[in-house]
Amino acid sequence: MAHFHFVRRHGQQPVVTFYIPWCFFCNADGAPFAGLNRSGKSCRLRWLNYLKPDIKSGNMSEEEEDLIQRLHKLLGNIWSLIAGRLPGRTDNEIKNYWNLHLKKRVLGD
């Protein structure tokens, strides 16, 4: 049986409660499976950046690269705002892609 974290989401709408299965192997929730010593924060970030079903994985398209370059020129290193314009891409993924691939290309010109 998977362990689920109880999450309350606040905002302009009424409070919505739902369950997120991010901590299946997490010791922080009292589930010492597989000998992993992940903290709750580590499990949450792993869910948000890698395991969530609506996350895109794979190479960035030319259009995505161009949009990242234009938004970076406009906004700077505000990765969460840039990620908001690219559905399915996380701010962590965009930051890593910028630092590994695009930064050299843009600054080298």
Protein backbone atom coordinates (compact mmCIF):
# COMPACT_ATOMS: atom_id res chain seq x y z
CA MET A 1 0.00 0.00 0.00
CA ALA A 2 1.48 3.32 -1.03
CA HIS A 3 1.74 6.12 1.49
CA PHE A 4 0.10 9.33 0.40
CA HIS A 5 0.73 12.81 1.68
CA PHE A 6 -2.30 14.89 2.47
CA VAL A 7 -1.99 18.23 0.72
CA ARG A 8 -4.14 21.32 0.99
CA ARG A 9 -3.99 23.74 -1.86
CA HIS A 10 -4.77 27.38 -1.14
CA GLY A 11 -5.44 30.14 -3.58
CA GLN A 12 -8.27 32.25 -4.90
CA GLN A 13 -10.52 29.22 -5.08
CA PRO A 14 -11.90 27.39 -2.04
CA VAL A 15 -9.46 25.05 -0.31
CA VAL A 16 -9.01 21.88 -2.36
CA THR A 17 -7.65 18.75 -0.74
CA PHE A 18 -6.10 15.91 -2.69
CA TYR A 19 -3.58 13.13 -2.28
CA ILE A 20 -0.16 13.02 -3.92
CA PRO A 21 1.72 9.68 -4.03
CA TRP A 22 5.22 11.18 -3.95
CA CYS A 23 6.57 9.44 -0.89
CA PHE A 24 6.22 5.73 -1.63
CA PHE A 25 9.78 4.83 -0.55
CA CYS A 26 10.25 7.63 1.95
CA ASN A 27 11.53 7.03 5.47
CA ALA A 28 10.18 10.40 6.59
CA ASP A 29 6.67 9.00 6.33
CA GLY A 30 7.50 5.86 8.29
CA ALA A 31 7.90 3.60 5.26
CA PRO A 32 11.45 2.24 5.38
CA PHE A 33 11.24 0.37 2.07
CA ALA A 34 14.26 -0.57 -0.03
CA GLY A 35 16.74 0.97 2.42
CA LEU A 36 16.30 4.48 1.03
CA ASN A 37 16.82 7.41 3.37
CA ARG A 38 14.99 10.13 1.49
CA SER A 39 13.57 13.02 3.42
CA GLY A 40 10.08 14.30 2.78
CA LYS A 41 11.50 17.27 0.90
CA SER A 42 13.59 15.01 -1.31
CA CYS A 43 10.56 12.87 -2.15
CA ARG A 44 8.43 15.94 -2.89
CA LEU A 45 11.05 17.39 -5.26
CA ARG A 46 11.50 14.01 -6.94
CA TRP A 47 7.75 13.85 -7.54
CA LEU A 48 7.54 17.42 -8.85
CA ASN A 49 10.59 17.18 -11.13
CA TYR A 50 10.61 13.58 -12.37
CA LEU A 51 7.66 11.34 -11.45
CA LYS A 52 4.63 13.53 -12.04
CA PRO A 53 2.65 12.15 -15.03
CA ASP A 54 2.30 15.46 -16.90
CA ILE A 55 6.05 16.18 -17.00
CA LYS A 56 7.60 16.10 -20.47
CA SER A 57 10.81 14.15 -20.77
CA GLY A 58 13.19 14.11 -23.65
CA ASN A 59 14.94 16.64 -25.81
CA MET A 60 13.92 20.26 -26.10
CA SER A 61 12.54 21.29 -29.47
CA GLU A 62 13.93 24.22 -31.46
CA GLU A 63 10.85 26.27 -30.58
CA GLU A 64 11.37 25.59 -26.86
CA GLU A 65 15.05 26.55 -27.09
CA ASP A 66 14.19 29.78 -28.88
CA LEU A 67 11.49 30.63 -26.34
CA ILE A 68 13.87 29.94 -23.43
CA GLN A 69 16.49 32.24 -24.96
CA ARG A 70 14.00 35.05 -25.56
CA LEU A 71 12.43 34.76 -22.10
CA HIS A 72 15.84 34.59 -20.42
CA LYS A 73 16.85 37.79 -22.19
CA LEU A 74 13.62 39.42 -21.01
CA LEU A 75 13.29 37.97 -17.47
CA GLY A 76 16.78 36.83 -16.50
CA ASN A 77 17.22 33.79 -14.26
CA ILE A 78 13.63 33.57 -13.10
CA TRP A 79 13.21 29.93 -14.07
CA SER A 80 9.74 29.45 -12.60
CA LEU A 81 8.28 32.20 -14.82
CA ILE A 82 10.03 30.76 -17.86
CA ALA A 83 8.73 27.27 -17.00
CA GLY A 84 5.20 28.69 -16.80
CA ARG A 85 5.41 29.44 -20.53
CA LEU A 86 6.56 25.91 -21.41
CA PRO A 87 3.85 23.38 -20.49
CA GLY A 88 5.21 20.12 -19.11
CA ARG A 89 8.70 21.47 -18.40
CA THR A 90 9.89 22.13 -14.86
CA ASP A 91 11.91 25.12 -13.72
CA ASN A 92 14.69 22.77 -12.64
CA GLU A 93 14.86 21.16 -16.08
CA ILE A 94 14.94 24.52 -17.84
CA LYS A 95 17.64 25.87 -15.51
CA ASN A 96 19.79 22.77 -16.08
CA TYR A 97 19.26 22.92 -19.85
CA TRP A 98 20.22 26.60 -19.88
CA ASN A 99 23.39 26.05 -17.86
CA LEU A 100 24.50 22.97 -19.84
CA HIS A 101 23.53 23.86 -23.42
CA LEU A 102 22.18 27.31 -24.15
CA LYS A 103 24.35 29.55 -21.99
CA LYS A 104 27.51 28.74 -23.97
CA ARG A 105 25.71 29.23 -27.25
CA VAL A 106 24.23 32.62 -26.28
CA LEU A 107 27.32 34.03 -24.51
CA GLY A 108 29.65 32.70 -27.20
CA ASP A 109 27.96 34.85 -29.88
